[in-house]
Amino acid sequence: MDTRMDTRKLLAELVGTFVFFLIGLMSILSTKAFSNGPDLVVIAFGFGLGLFAAIQIGGAVSGGHFNPAVTLATVLDKRLDPMTGVGYVVAQLIGGIAAAAFVLVMSSQDAVRGTITGHPSVSDLQAVVIEAVFTAIFIAVILTVTELDPGKAAFAIPLTLVVIHLALVPITGSSVNPARSLASALIGGDLSSIWVYIVGPLVGSVGGWAVYRALIDKPAAA
């Protein structure tokens, strides 16, 4: 029984991450249809509503992480055991790479390359700091709303991702999710800056958890 349930959770993370990233990546491609269109708005809502759709599909089964930074924070908060956390991350990476591979098959590697998160206007260090701070905000929202008002989580979390994208897309490409950046970079064939989008969000995950623990009067789970 436990093995079957764990398998369903991993599948939910894989499928949910695939749906989330696919909608987000395709929203980037869709902006090419506009000559002077609202690219930033399309991309922000593409990823936010992609996450909303993914939560509707898999959230009730796995908790709807779809992001290694979220999984790390839930492990730190002892809501998830470390071994299951590793399984979640593997499932997320597979789902994300599958989404980028779908874009590759349906379009081209150049199209996938156009979805790679980049930071031409800031340095690597600045990008790491920015990604860390905004990931911390995202994680603090997720941990707080799922603990105090889970009924609002399916709306509060995607909307937070929308506003983060509105703030960051022109600056860092707005990752706050190592799996999202790794999928595009791997299939797009450019891993030159991927460390920024792994280190920043993971540091931010720890920071967001620390903020949550400092503000919410709740003993850690046993």
N, C-alpha and C. Protein backbone atom coordinates (compact mmCIF):
# COMPACT_ATOMS: atom_id res chain seq x y z
N MET A 1 0.84 -1.21 0.00
CA MET A 1 0.00 0.00 0.00
C MET A 1 0.87 1.26 0.00
N ASP A 2 1.88 1.29 0.89
CA ASP A 2 2.75 2.47 0.96
C ASP A 2 3.52 2.67 -0.34
N THR A 3 4.02 1.55 -0.93
CA THR A 3 4.78 1.65 -2.18
C THR A 3 3.92 2.19 -3.30
N ARG A 4 2.67 1.71 -3.36
CA ARG A 4 1.78 2.16 -4.42
C ARG A 4 1.48 3.64 -4.28
N MET A 5 1.24 4.07 -3.04
CA MET A 5 0.95 5.48 -2.80
C MET A 5 2.15 6.35 -3.16
N ASP A 6 3.36 5.93 -2.79
CA ASP A 6 4.55 6.69 -3.13
C ASP A 6 4.73 6.80 -4.64
N THR A 7 4.44 5.72 -5.34
CA THR A 7 4.56 5.73 -6.80
C THR A 7 3.59 6.74 -7.41
N ARG A 8 2.39 6.79 -6.88
CA ARG A 8 1.41 7.75 -7.39
C ARG A 8 1.87 9.19 -7.13
N LYS A 9 2.48 9.41 -5.98
CA LYS A 9 2.98 10.75 -5.67
C LYS A 9 4.09 11.16 -6.64
N LEU A 10 5.00 10.23 -6.91
CA LEU A 10 6.08 10.53 -7.85
C LEU A 10 5.53 10.78 -9.25
N LEU A 11 4.55 9.99 -9.65
CA LEU A 11 3.94 10.20 -10.96
C LEU A 11 3.23 11.55 -11.03
N ALA A 12 2.58 11.92 -9.93
CA ALA A 12 1.90 13.23 -9.89
C ALA A 12 2.90 14.36 -10.04
N GLU A 13 4.07 14.23 -9.40
CA GLU A 13 5.11 15.25 -9.54
C GLU A 13 5.65 15.30 -10.97
N LEU A 14 5.84 14.14 -11.57
CA LEU A 14 6.34 14.10 -12.95
C LEU A 14 5.34 14.72 -13.92
N VAL A 15 4.10 14.27 -13.85
CA VAL A 15 3.07 14.77 -14.77
C VAL A 15 2.80 16.25 -14.52
N GLY A 16 2.70 16.63 -13.24
CA GLY A 16 2.43 18.02 -12.91
C GLY A 16 3.53 18.96 -13.38
N THR A 17 4.79 18.53 -13.19
CA THR A 17 5.90 19.35 -13.65
C THR A 17 5.90 19.47 -15.17
N PHE A 18 5.60 18.38 -15.85
CA PHE A 18 5.50 18.40 -17.32
C PHE A 18 4.46 19.42 -17.77
N VAL A 19 3.28 19.37 -17.18
CA VAL A 19 2.20 20.29 -17.55
C VAL A 19 2.58 21.73 -17.24
N PHE A 20 3.10 21.96 -16.06
CA PHE A 20 3.51 23.30 -15.61
C PHE A 20 4.54 23.90 -16.57
N PHE A 21 5.60 23.17 -16.84
CA PHE A 21 6.67 23.68 -17.69
C PHE A 21 6.23 23.79 -19.14
N LEU A 22 5.47 22.81 -19.61
CA LEU A 22 5.05 22.85 -21.01
C LEU A 22 4.22 24.10 -21.30
N ILE A 23 3.27 24.39 -20.43
CA ILE A 23 2.45 25.59 -20.63
C ILE A 23 3.33 26.84 -20.55
N GLY A 24 4.25 26.88 -19.59
CA GLY A 24 5.13 28.04 -19.46
C GLY A 24 6.05 28.21 -20.65
N LEU A 25 6.69 27.12 -21.08
CA LEU A 25 7.60 27.21 -22.23
C LEU A 25 6.86 27.58 -23.51
N MET A 26 5.69 27.00 -23.71
CA MET A 26 4.91 27.33 -24.91
C MET A 26 4.43 28.78 -24.87
N SER A 27 4.22 29.31 -23.66
CA SER A 27 3.81 30.72 -23.58
C SER A 27 4.95 31.63 -24.05
N ILE A 28 6.20 31.21 -23.79
CA ILE A 28 7.33 31.99 -24.31
C ILE A 28 7.33 31.97 -25.84
N LEU A 29 7.10 30.79 -26.40
CA LEU A 29 7.06 30.69 -27.86
C LEU A 29 5.91 31.48 -28.44
N SER A 30 4.78 31.53 -27.72
CA SER A 30 3.61 32.22 -28.25
C SER A 30 3.83 33.71 -28.39
N THR A 31 4.77 34.27 -27.63
CA THR A 31 5.02 35.71 -27.72
C THR A 31 5.58 36.10 -29.08
N LYS A 32 6.10 35.13 -29.81
CA LYS A 32 6.61 35.42 -31.15
C LYS A 32 5.50 35.80 -32.11
N ALA A 33 4.25 35.55 -31.71
CA ALA A 33 3.11 35.90 -32.55
C ALA A 33 2.81 37.40 -32.50
N PHE A 34 3.43 38.09 -31.54
CA PHE A 34 3.17 39.52 -31.38
C PHE A 34 4.37 40.32 -31.88
N SER A 35 4.11 41.37 -32.64
CA SER A 35 5.21 42.23 -33.06
C SER A 35 5.64 43.16 -31.93
N ASN A 36 4.64 43.75 -31.26
CA ASN A 36 4.91 44.58 -30.09
C ASN A 36 3.97 44.17 -28.97
N GLY A 37 3.81 42.87 -28.80
CA GLY A 37 2.81 42.36 -27.88
C GLY A 37 3.26 42.35 -26.43
N PRO A 38 2.35 41.98 -25.54
CA PRO A 38 2.63 41.99 -24.10
C PRO A 38 3.41 40.74 -23.69
N ASP A 39 4.67 40.64 -24.16
CA ASP A 39 5.46 39.44 -23.91
C ASP A 39 5.59 39.11 -22.43
N LEU A 40 5.90 40.11 -21.62
CA LEU A 40 6.11 39.89 -20.20
C LEU A 40 4.85 39.34 -19.54
N VAL A 41 3.71 39.92 -19.88
CA VAL A 41 2.44 39.50 -19.29
C VAL A 41 2.10 38.07 -19.72
N VAL A 42 2.30 37.78 -21.00
CA VAL A 42 2.02 36.44 -21.51
C VAL A 42 2.87 35.39 -20.80
N ILE A 43 4.16 35.67 -20.67
CA ILE A 43 5.07 34.71 -20.03
C ILE A 43 4.72 34.55 -18.55
N ALA A 44 4.48 35.66 -17.86
CA ALA A 44 4.18 35.59 -16.43
C ALA A 44 2.92 34.78 -16.17
N PHE A 45 1.87 35.07 -16.92
CA PHE A 45 0.64 34.32 -16.72
C PHE A 45 0.72 32.91 -17.28
N GLY A 46 1.56 32.72 -18.29
CA GLY A 46 1.76 31.36 -18.80
C GLY A 46 2.32 30.45 -17.72
N PHE A 47 3.35 30.90 -17.02
CA PHE A 47 3.93 30.07 -15.95
C PHE A 47 3.02 30.00 -14.73
N GLY A 48 2.40 31.12 -14.37
CA GLY A 48 1.51 31.11 -13.21
C GLY A 48 0.30 30.22 -13.41
N LEU A 49 -0.33 30.33 -14.56
CA LEU A 49 -1.51 29.50 -14.82
C LEU A 49 -1.11 28.07 -15.16
N GLY A 50 0.11 27.89 -15.69
CA GLY A 50 0.63 26.54 -15.87
C GLY A 50 0.76 25.83 -14.53
N LEU A 51 1.26 26.56 -13.52
CA LEU A 51 1.36 26.00 -12.18
C LEU A 51 -0.03 25.72 -11.61
N PHE A 52 -0.96 26.61 -11.86
CA PHE A 52 -2.34 26.41 -11.40
C PHE A 52 -2.91 25.11 -11.98
N ALA A 53 -2.71 24.89 -13.29
CA ALA A 53 -3.21 23.68 -13.92
C ALA A 53 -2.54 22.44 -13.33
N ALA A 54 -1.23 22.53 -13.11
CA ALA A 54 -0.50 21.40 -12.54
C ALA A 54 -0.99 21.05 -11.15
N ILE A 55 -1.27 22.08 -10.35
CA ILE A 55 -1.78 21.85 -9.00
C ILE A 55 -3.13 21.16 -9.04
N GLN A 56 -3.98 21.54 -10.00
CA GLN A 56 -5.28 20.89 -10.12
C GLN A 56 -5.13 19.41 -10.46
N ILE A 57 -4.11 19.09 -11.24
CA ILE A 57 -3.91 17.69 -11.66
C ILE A 57 -3.27 16.85 -10.56
N GLY A 58 -2.19 17.35 -9.97
CA GLY A 58 -1.43 16.51 -9.05
C GLY A 58 -1.32 16.98 -7.62
N GLY A 59 -1.85 18.17 -7.32
CA GLY A 59 -1.67 18.73 -5.99
C GLY A 59 -2.25 17.88 -4.87
N ALA A 60 -3.40 17.30 -5.09
CA ALA A 60 -4.04 16.51 -4.05
C ALA A 60 -3.31 15.19 -3.80
N VAL A 61 -2.50 14.76 -4.76
CA VAL A 61 -1.79 13.49 -4.63
C VAL A 61 -0.43 13.68 -3.97
N SER A 62 0.36 14.63 -4.49
CA SER A 62 1.74 14.78 -4.02
C SER A 62 1.99 16.03 -3.19
N GLY A 63 1.03 16.93 -3.16
CA GLY A 63 1.24 18.22 -2.51
C GLY A 63 1.58 19.31 -3.51
N GLY A 64 1.84 18.91 -4.76
CA GLY A 64 2.05 19.88 -5.83
C GLY A 64 3.31 20.71 -5.70
N HIS A 65 4.46 20.06 -5.57
CA HIS A 65 5.71 20.80 -5.49
C HIS A 65 6.18 21.30 -6.85
N PHE A 66 6.49 20.40 -7.76
CA PHE A 66 6.92 20.69 -9.13
C PHE A 66 8.15 21.61 -9.18
N ASN A 67 8.96 21.56 -8.13
CA ASN A 67 10.08 22.48 -7.99
C ASN A 67 11.02 21.94 -6.91
N PRO A 68 12.27 21.63 -7.22
CA PRO A 68 13.19 21.13 -6.20
C PRO A 68 13.36 22.08 -5.01
N ALA A 69 13.24 23.37 -5.25
CA ALA A 69 13.36 24.32 -4.14
C ALA A 69 12.21 24.16 -3.15
N VAL A 70 11.02 23.89 -3.64
CA VAL A 70 9.86 23.65 -2.78
C VAL A 70 10.05 22.34 -2.02
N THR A 71 10.52 21.32 -2.72
CA THR A 71 10.74 20.02 -2.06
C THR A 71 11.78 20.14 -0.96
N LEU A 72 12.88 20.87 -1.22
CA LEU A 72 13.90 21.06 -0.20
C LEU A 72 13.31 21.72 1.04
N ALA A 73 12.49 22.74 0.84
CA ALA A 73 11.89 23.45 1.98
C ALA A 73 10.97 22.54 2.78
N THR A 74 10.20 21.69 2.12
CA THR A 74 9.29 20.80 2.85
C THR A 74 10.08 19.71 3.59
N VAL A 75 11.21 19.31 3.04
CA VAL A 75 12.07 18.37 3.77
C VAL A 75 12.66 19.04 5.00
N LEU A 76 13.14 20.27 4.84
CA LEU A 76 13.68 21.00 5.98
C LEU A 76 12.63 21.19 7.08
N ASP A 77 11.38 21.38 6.67
CA ASP A 77 10.30 21.57 7.64
C ASP A 77 9.73 20.25 8.15
N LYS A 78 10.33 19.15 7.70
CA LYS A 78 9.94 17.80 8.12
C LYS A 78 8.51 17.45 7.75
N ARG A 79 8.04 18.05 6.67
CA ARG A 79 6.73 17.67 6.13
C ARG A 79 6.89 16.49 5.16
N LEU A 80 8.12 16.26 4.72
CA LEU A 80 8.42 15.22 3.75
C LEU A 80 9.74 14.56 4.15
N ASP A 81 9.81 13.24 4.07
CA ASP A 81 11.06 12.58 4.44
C ASP A 81 12.09 12.73 3.31
N PRO A 82 13.37 12.72 3.65
CA PRO A 82 14.41 12.99 2.65
C PRO A 82 14.40 12.04 1.45
N MET A 83 14.16 10.76 1.66
CA MET A 83 14.17 9.81 0.55
C MET A 83 13.04 10.10 -0.43
N THR A 84 11.86 10.39 0.09
CA THR A 84 10.76 10.77 -0.80
C THR A 84 11.08 12.08 -1.50
N GLY A 85 11.76 12.97 -0.79
CA GLY A 85 12.17 14.24 -1.39
C GLY A 85 13.07 14.03 -2.59
N VAL A 86 14.01 13.10 -2.47
CA VAL A 86 14.90 12.78 -3.59
C VAL A 86 14.07 12.25 -4.77
N GLY A 87 13.12 11.38 -4.47
CA GLY A 87 12.25 10.86 -5.52
C GLY A 87 11.46 11.95 -6.21
N TYR A 88 10.97 12.92 -5.43
CA TYR A 88 10.24 14.06 -6.00
C TYR A 88 11.13 14.84 -6.96
N VAL A 89 12.36 15.11 -6.55
CA VAL A 89 13.26 15.91 -7.39
C VAL A 89 13.56 15.18 -8.69
N VAL A 90 13.80 13.88 -8.62
CA VAL A 90 14.05 13.09 -9.84
C VAL A 90 12.83 13.15 -10.76
N ALA A 91 11.65 13.00 -10.19
CA ALA A 91 10.42 13.05 -10.99
C ALA A 91 10.25 14.43 -11.63
N GLN A 92 10.57 15.49 -10.88
CA GLN A 92 10.46 16.85 -11.40
C GLN A 92 11.43 17.07 -12.56
N LEU A 93 12.64 16.58 -12.42
CA LEU A 93 13.63 16.74 -13.48
C LEU A 93 13.19 15.99 -14.74
N ILE A 94 12.67 14.79 -14.57
CA ILE A 94 12.20 14.02 -15.73
C ILE A 94 11.03 14.74 -16.41
N GLY A 95 10.07 15.21 -15.60
CA GLY A 95 8.92 15.92 -16.16
C GLY A 95 9.32 17.19 -16.88
N GLY A 96 10.26 17.93 -16.29
CA GLY A 96 10.72 19.18 -16.91
C GLY A 96 11.47 18.95 -18.20
N ILE A 97 12.36 17.98 -18.20
CA ILE A 97 13.11 17.66 -19.42
C ILE A 97 12.17 17.16 -20.51
N ALA A 98 11.16 16.40 -20.11
CA ALA A 98 10.18 15.92 -21.09
C ALA A 98 9.42 17.08 -21.73
N ALA A 99 9.10 18.10 -20.93
CA ALA A 99 8.40 19.27 -21.48
C ALA A 99 9.28 20.01 -22.48
N ALA A 100 10.56 20.20 -22.15
CA ALA A 100 11.48 20.87 -23.07
C ALA A 100 11.70 20.02 -24.32
N ALA A 101 11.75 18.69 -24.15
CA ALA A 101 11.91 17.80 -25.28
C ALA A 101 10.70 17.84 -26.20
N PHE A 102 9.52 18.01 -25.62
CA PHE A 102 8.30 18.15 -26.43
C PHE A 102 8.40 19.39 -27.31
N VAL A 103 8.86 20.50 -26.72
CA VAL A 103 9.04 21.72 -27.51
C VAL A 103 10.06 21.49 -28.61
N LEU A 104 11.14 20.77 -28.31
CA LEU A 104 12.16 20.45 -29.32
C LEU A 104 11.57 19.68 -30.48
N VAL A 105 10.80 18.65 -30.19
CA VAL A 105 10.21 17.81 -31.24
C VAL A 105 9.18 18.57 -32.05
N MET A 106 8.39 19.40 -31.38
CA MET A 106 7.33 20.13 -32.07
C MET A 106 7.84 21.37 -32.78
N SER A 107 9.04 21.84 -32.40
CA SER A 107 9.57 23.06 -33.00
C SER A 107 11.03 22.85 -33.41
N SER A 108 11.96 23.33 -32.60
CA SER A 108 13.38 23.21 -32.93
C SER A 108 14.22 23.46 -31.70
N GLN A 109 15.51 23.14 -31.78
CA GLN A 109 16.38 23.43 -30.65
C GLN A 109 16.54 24.93 -30.46
N ASP A 110 16.49 25.69 -31.54
CA ASP A 110 16.55 27.15 -31.41
C ASP A 110 15.37 27.67 -30.58
N ALA A 111 14.21 27.05 -30.78
CA ALA A 111 13.03 27.45 -30.01
C ALA A 111 13.24 27.16 -28.53
N VAL A 112 13.78 25.99 -28.23
CA VAL A 112 14.07 25.65 -26.83
C VAL A 112 15.12 26.60 -26.27
N ARG A 113 16.13 26.90 -27.07
CA ARG A 113 17.19 27.81 -26.62
C ARG A 113 16.61 29.17 -26.24
N GLY A 114 15.54 29.56 -26.91
CA GLY A 114 14.90 30.83 -26.61
C GLY A 114 14.16 30.84 -25.28
N THR A 115 14.02 29.65 -24.64
CA THR A 115 13.35 29.57 -23.34
C THR A 115 14.34 29.46 -22.18
N ILE A 116 15.65 29.48 -22.50
CA ILE A 116 16.66 29.35 -21.46
C ILE A 116 16.68 30.62 -20.60
N THR A 117 16.72 30.45 -19.29
CA THR A 117 16.79 31.61 -18.41
C THR A 117 18.19 32.24 -18.50
N GLY A 118 18.22 33.56 -18.66
CA GLY A 118 19.47 34.28 -18.81
C GLY A 118 19.42 35.62 -18.09
N HIS A 119 20.58 36.23 -17.91
CA HIS A 119 20.64 37.49 -17.16
C HIS A 119 21.66 38.43 -17.81
N PRO A 120 21.40 38.89 -19.03
CA PRO A 120 22.38 39.74 -19.74
C PRO A 120 22.63 41.09 -19.10
N SER A 121 21.70 41.58 -18.29
CA SER A 121 21.85 42.93 -17.73
C SER A 121 22.45 42.94 -16.33
N VAL A 122 22.68 41.76 -15.73
CA VAL A 122 23.28 41.71 -14.40
C VAL A 122 24.36 40.64 -14.39
N SER A 123 25.25 40.71 -13.39
CA SER A 123 26.32 39.74 -13.28
C SER A 123 25.80 38.41 -12.74
N ASP A 124 26.64 37.38 -12.81
CA ASP A 124 26.26 36.09 -12.25
C ASP A 124 25.93 36.21 -10.77
N LEU A 125 26.77 36.90 -10.03
CA LEU A 125 26.56 37.04 -8.59
C LEU A 125 25.26 37.78 -8.29
N GLN A 126 25.01 38.85 -9.04
CA GLN A 126 23.76 39.59 -8.84
C GLN A 126 22.56 38.70 -9.14
N ALA A 127 22.66 37.91 -10.20
CA ALA A 127 21.56 37.02 -10.57
C ALA A 127 21.32 35.97 -9.49
N VAL A 128 22.40 35.44 -8.90
CA VAL A 128 22.25 34.47 -7.82
C VAL A 128 21.51 35.09 -6.65
N VAL A 129 21.91 36.30 -6.27
CA VAL A 129 21.28 36.97 -5.14
C VAL A 129 19.81 37.26 -5.42
N ILE A 130 19.51 37.76 -6.60
CA ILE A 130 18.13 38.07 -6.97
C ILE A 130 17.28 36.81 -6.96
N GLU A 131 17.77 35.74 -7.58
CA GLU A 131 17.02 34.48 -7.60
C GLU A 131 16.82 33.94 -6.19
N ALA A 132 17.84 34.08 -5.34
CA ALA A 132 17.73 33.59 -3.97
C ALA A 132 16.66 34.36 -3.20
N VAL A 133 16.66 35.67 -3.32
CA VAL A 133 15.70 36.50 -2.57
C VAL A 133 14.27 36.21 -3.02
N PHE A 134 14.06 36.14 -4.32
CA PHE A 134 12.69 35.93 -4.80
C PHE A 134 12.23 34.49 -4.59
N THR A 135 13.17 33.54 -4.61
CA THR A 135 12.79 32.18 -4.26
C THR A 135 12.40 32.11 -2.79
N ALA A 136 13.12 32.83 -1.94
CA ALA A 136 12.78 32.87 -0.52
C ALA A 136 11.37 33.41 -0.31
N ILE A 137 11.02 34.46 -1.05
CA ILE A 137 9.65 35.00 -0.97
C ILE A 137 8.64 33.93 -1.37
N PHE A 138 8.91 33.26 -2.49
CA PHE A 138 8.02 32.23 -3.00
C PHE A 138 7.85 31.10 -1.99
N ILE A 139 8.95 30.64 -1.42
CA ILE A 139 8.91 29.54 -0.45
C ILE A 139 8.17 29.95 0.81
N ALA A 140 8.42 31.16 1.29
CA ALA A 140 7.74 31.64 2.50
C ALA A 140 6.23 31.68 2.28
N VAL A 141 5.80 32.11 1.11
CA VAL A 141 4.36 32.11 0.80
C VAL A 141 3.83 30.69 0.79
N ILE A 142 4.54 29.78 0.11
CA ILE A 142 4.07 28.40 0.00
C ILE A 142 3.94 27.74 1.36
N LEU A 143 4.98 27.83 2.18
CA LEU A 143 4.95 27.19 3.49
C LEU A 143 3.87 27.79 4.38
N THR A 144 3.70 29.09 4.32
CA THR A 144 2.73 29.76 5.18
C THR A 144 1.30 29.45 4.77
N VAL A 145 0.99 29.59 3.50
CA VAL A 145 -0.39 29.39 3.08
C VAL A 145 -0.80 27.93 3.19
N THR A 146 0.10 27.00 2.91
CA THR A 146 -0.27 25.58 3.03
C THR A 146 -0.44 25.16 4.49
N GLU A 147 0.20 25.88 5.40
CA GLU A 147 0.04 25.59 6.83
C GLU A 147 -1.18 26.26 7.42
N LEU A 148 -1.38 27.55 7.11
CA LEU A 148 -2.41 28.33 7.79
C LEU A 148 -3.74 28.39 7.05
N ASP A 149 -3.71 28.33 5.73
CA ASP A 149 -4.96 28.46 4.96
C ASP A 149 -4.85 27.66 3.66
N PRO A 150 -4.77 26.31 3.75
CA PRO A 150 -4.54 25.49 2.56
C PRO A 150 -5.60 25.61 1.49
N GLY A 151 -6.79 26.04 1.87
CA GLY A 151 -7.85 26.21 0.88
C GLY A 151 -7.54 27.28 -0.15
N LYS A 152 -6.67 28.22 0.21
CA LYS A 152 -6.29 29.30 -0.71
C LYS A 152 -5.01 29.01 -1.48
N ALA A 153 -4.36 27.90 -1.16
CA ALA A 153 -3.04 27.63 -1.72
C ALA A 153 -3.04 27.55 -3.24
N ALA A 154 -4.05 26.92 -3.81
CA ALA A 154 -4.09 26.73 -5.27
C ALA A 154 -4.18 28.05 -6.02
N PHE A 155 -4.60 29.12 -5.34
CA PHE A 155 -4.68 30.43 -5.97
C PHE A 155 -3.51 31.33 -5.55
N ALA A 156 -3.19 31.31 -4.26
CA ALA A 156 -2.14 32.20 -3.75
C ALA A 156 -0.77 31.86 -4.34
N ILE A 157 -0.47 30.58 -4.47
CA ILE A 157 0.86 30.18 -4.96
C ILE A 157 1.06 30.53 -6.43
N PRO A 158 0.13 30.16 -7.35
CA PRO A 158 0.32 30.58 -8.74
C PRO A 158 0.34 32.09 -8.92
N LEU A 159 -0.47 32.83 -8.16
CA LEU A 159 -0.47 34.28 -8.29
C LEU A 159 0.86 34.87 -7.83
N THR A 160 1.44 34.29 -6.80
CA THR A 160 2.76 34.74 -6.36
C THR A 160 3.79 34.50 -7.46
N LEU A 161 3.70 33.35 -8.14
CA LEU A 161 4.62 33.08 -9.24
C LEU A 161 4.43 34.07 -10.38
N VAL A 162 3.19 34.48 -10.64
CA VAL A 162 2.94 35.48 -11.68
C VAL A 162 3.66 36.78 -11.36
N VAL A 163 3.52 37.27 -10.13
CA VAL A 163 4.13 38.56 -9.81
C VAL A 163 5.66 38.46 -9.77
N ILE A 164 6.17 37.31 -9.37
CA ILE A 164 7.62 37.11 -9.41
C ILE A 164 8.12 37.17 -10.85
N HIS A 165 7.39 36.56 -11.77
CA HIS A 165 7.78 36.61 -13.18
C HIS A 165 7.68 38.04 -13.73
N LEU A 166 6.64 38.76 -13.34
CA LEU A 166 6.52 40.15 -13.78
C LEU A 166 7.72 40.97 -13.32
N ALA A 167 8.24 40.66 -12.14
CA ALA A 167 9.38 41.40 -11.61
C ALA A 167 10.71 40.97 -12.21
N LEU A 168 10.86 39.67 -12.51
CA LEU A 168 12.18 39.13 -12.82
C LEU A 168 12.46 38.75 -14.27
N VAL A 169 11.44 38.53 -15.08
CA VAL A 169 11.70 38.05 -16.45
C VAL A 169 12.72 38.93 -17.18
N PRO A 170 12.62 40.26 -17.13
CA PRO A 170 13.61 41.06 -17.87
C PRO A 170 15.00 41.08 -17.23
N ILE A 171 15.11 40.60 -15.98
CA ILE A 171 16.37 40.73 -15.26
C ILE A 171 17.13 39.41 -15.19
N THR A 172 16.46 38.35 -14.70
CA THR A 172 17.13 37.04 -14.58
C THR A 172 16.44 35.95 -15.41
N GLY A 173 15.37 36.31 -16.10
CA GLY A 173 14.59 35.29 -16.80
C GLY A 173 13.56 34.64 -15.91
N SER A 174 13.64 34.90 -14.60
CA SER A 174 12.70 34.40 -13.59
C SER A 174 12.63 32.88 -13.57
N SER A 175 13.56 32.30 -12.83
CA SER A 175 13.55 30.85 -12.66
C SER A 175 12.85 30.47 -11.36
N VAL A 176 13.48 30.76 -10.22
CA VAL A 176 13.04 30.33 -8.88
C VAL A 176 12.72 28.84 -8.85
N ASN A 177 13.32 28.09 -9.77
CA ASN A 177 13.02 26.66 -9.91
C ASN A 177 14.17 26.01 -10.68
N PRO A 178 15.06 25.29 -10.01
CA PRO A 178 16.19 24.68 -10.72
C PRO A 178 15.79 23.75 -11.86
N ALA A 179 14.71 23.01 -11.68
CA ALA A 179 14.29 22.07 -12.72
C ALA A 179 13.85 22.79 -13.98
N ARG A 180 13.21 23.94 -13.82
CA ARG A 180 12.74 24.71 -14.98
C ARG A 180 13.94 25.17 -15.83
N SER A 181 14.95 25.72 -15.15
CA SER A 181 16.12 26.22 -15.87
C SER A 181 16.96 25.09 -16.46
N LEU A 182 17.12 24.00 -15.70
CA LEU A 182 17.93 22.89 -16.18
C LEU A 182 17.30 22.24 -17.41
N ALA A 183 15.99 22.13 -17.43
CA ALA A 183 15.31 21.49 -18.57
C ALA A 183 15.58 22.26 -19.86
N SER A 184 15.40 23.56 -19.84
CA SER A 184 15.63 24.38 -21.03
C SER A 184 17.10 24.38 -21.43
N ALA A 185 17.99 24.50 -20.43
CA ALA A 185 19.42 24.56 -20.72
C ALA A 185 19.93 23.25 -21.30
N LEU A 186 19.47 22.15 -20.76
CA LEU A 186 19.94 20.84 -21.21
C LEU A 186 19.47 20.55 -22.63
N ILE A 187 18.18 20.71 -22.88
CA ILE A 187 17.64 20.43 -24.21
C ILE A 187 18.03 21.52 -25.20
N GLY A 188 18.20 22.76 -24.72
CA GLY A 188 18.61 23.86 -25.59
C GLY A 188 20.09 23.85 -25.90
N GLY A 189 20.86 23.07 -25.16
CA GLY A 189 22.28 22.92 -25.45
C GLY A 189 23.16 24.04 -24.95
N ASP A 190 22.78 24.69 -23.84
CA ASP A 190 23.61 25.77 -23.29
C ASP A 190 23.54 25.72 -21.76
N LEU A 191 24.55 25.11 -21.15
CA LEU A 191 24.61 24.97 -19.70
C LEU A 191 25.54 26.00 -19.05
N SER A 192 25.90 27.02 -19.79
CA SER A 192 26.94 27.95 -19.33
C SER A 192 26.57 28.68 -18.04
N SER A 193 25.31 29.00 -17.84
CA SER A 193 24.91 29.76 -16.64
C SER A 193 24.02 28.95 -15.71
N ILE A 194 23.93 27.65 -15.92
CA ILE A 194 22.95 26.88 -15.17
C ILE A 194 23.23 26.90 -13.66
N TRP A 195 24.50 27.03 -13.28
CA TRP A 195 24.81 27.04 -11.85
C TRP A 195 24.10 28.17 -11.11
N VAL A 196 23.91 29.29 -11.80
CA VAL A 196 23.22 30.43 -11.19
C VAL A 196 21.81 30.04 -10.77
N TYR A 197 21.14 29.26 -11.63
CA TYR A 197 19.74 28.92 -11.42
C TYR A 197 19.55 27.64 -10.62
N ILE A 198 20.67 27.05 -10.20
CA ILE A 198 20.62 25.96 -9.22
C ILE A 198 20.96 26.52 -7.83
N VAL A 199 22.06 27.24 -7.76
CA VAL A 199 22.51 27.77 -6.47
C VAL A 199 21.52 28.80 -5.91
N GLY A 200 21.10 29.76 -6.74
CA GLY A 200 20.21 30.82 -6.26
C GLY A 200 18.92 30.30 -5.65
N PRO A 201 18.14 29.51 -6.39
CA PRO A 201 16.89 29.00 -5.83
C PRO A 201 17.07 28.09 -4.62
N LEU A 202 18.13 27.27 -4.60
CA LEU A 202 18.32 26.38 -3.45
C LEU A 202 18.71 27.16 -2.20
N VAL A 203 19.55 28.17 -2.36
CA VAL A 203 19.86 29.05 -1.22
C VAL A 203 18.59 29.77 -0.78
N GLY A 204 17.81 30.25 -1.74
CA GLY A 204 16.55 30.92 -1.42
C GLY A 204 15.57 30.01 -0.71
N SER A 205 15.58 28.73 -1.07
CA SER A 205 14.69 27.77 -0.41
C SER A 205 14.98 27.70 1.09
N VAL A 206 16.26 27.62 1.42
CA VAL A 206 16.65 27.58 2.84
C VAL A 206 16.27 28.90 3.52
N GLY A 207 16.51 30.02 2.83
CA GLY A 207 16.17 31.32 3.39
C GLY A 207 14.68 31.49 3.60
N GLY A 208 13.89 31.05 2.63
CA GLY A 208 12.43 31.16 2.76
C GLY A 208 11.90 30.32 3.91
N TRP A 209 12.47 29.12 4.07
CA TRP A 209 12.07 28.27 5.19
C TRP A 209 12.43 28.93 6.51
N ALA A 210 13.63 29.55 6.58
CA ALA A 210 14.05 30.21 7.81
C ALA A 210 13.13 31.38 8.15
N VAL A 211 12.71 32.14 7.15
CA VAL A 211 11.78 33.25 7.38
C VAL A 211 10.44 32.71 7.91
N TYR A 212 9.95 31.67 7.27
CA TYR A 212 8.69 31.05 7.70
C TYR A 212 8.78 30.59 9.15
N ARG A 213 9.89 29.90 9.50
CA ARG A 213 10.04 29.38 10.86
C ARG A 213 10.15 30.52 11.87
N ALA A 214 10.73 31.65 11.46
CA ALA A 214 10.88 32.78 12.37
C ALA A 214 9.55 33.49 12.61
N LEU A 215 8.68 33.48 11.63
CA LEU A 215 7.43 34.24 11.73
C LEU A 215 6.25 33.42 12.22
N ILE A 216 6.25 32.13 11.96
CA ILE A 216 5.11 31.29 12.33
C ILE A 216 5.43 30.51 13.59
N ASP A 217 4.57 30.65 14.58
CA ASP A 217 4.76 29.98 15.86
C ASP A 217 4.23 28.56 15.75
N LYS A 218 5.07 27.69 15.24
CA LYS A 218 4.66 26.31 15.00
C LYS A 218 5.86 25.40 15.25
N PRO A 219 5.74 24.43 16.10
CA PRO A 219 6.85 23.51 16.31
C PRO A 219 7.10 22.67 15.09
N ALA A 220 8.38 22.36 14.80
CA ALA A 220 8.70 21.51 13.66
C ALA A 220 8.08 20.14 13.87
N ALA A 221 7.65 19.52 12.75
CA ALA A 221 7.08 18.19 12.83
C ALA A 221 8.10 17.21 13.35
N ALA A 222 7.62 16.21 14.08
CA ALA A 222 8.54 15.21 14.63
C ALA A 222 9.09 14.33 13.53
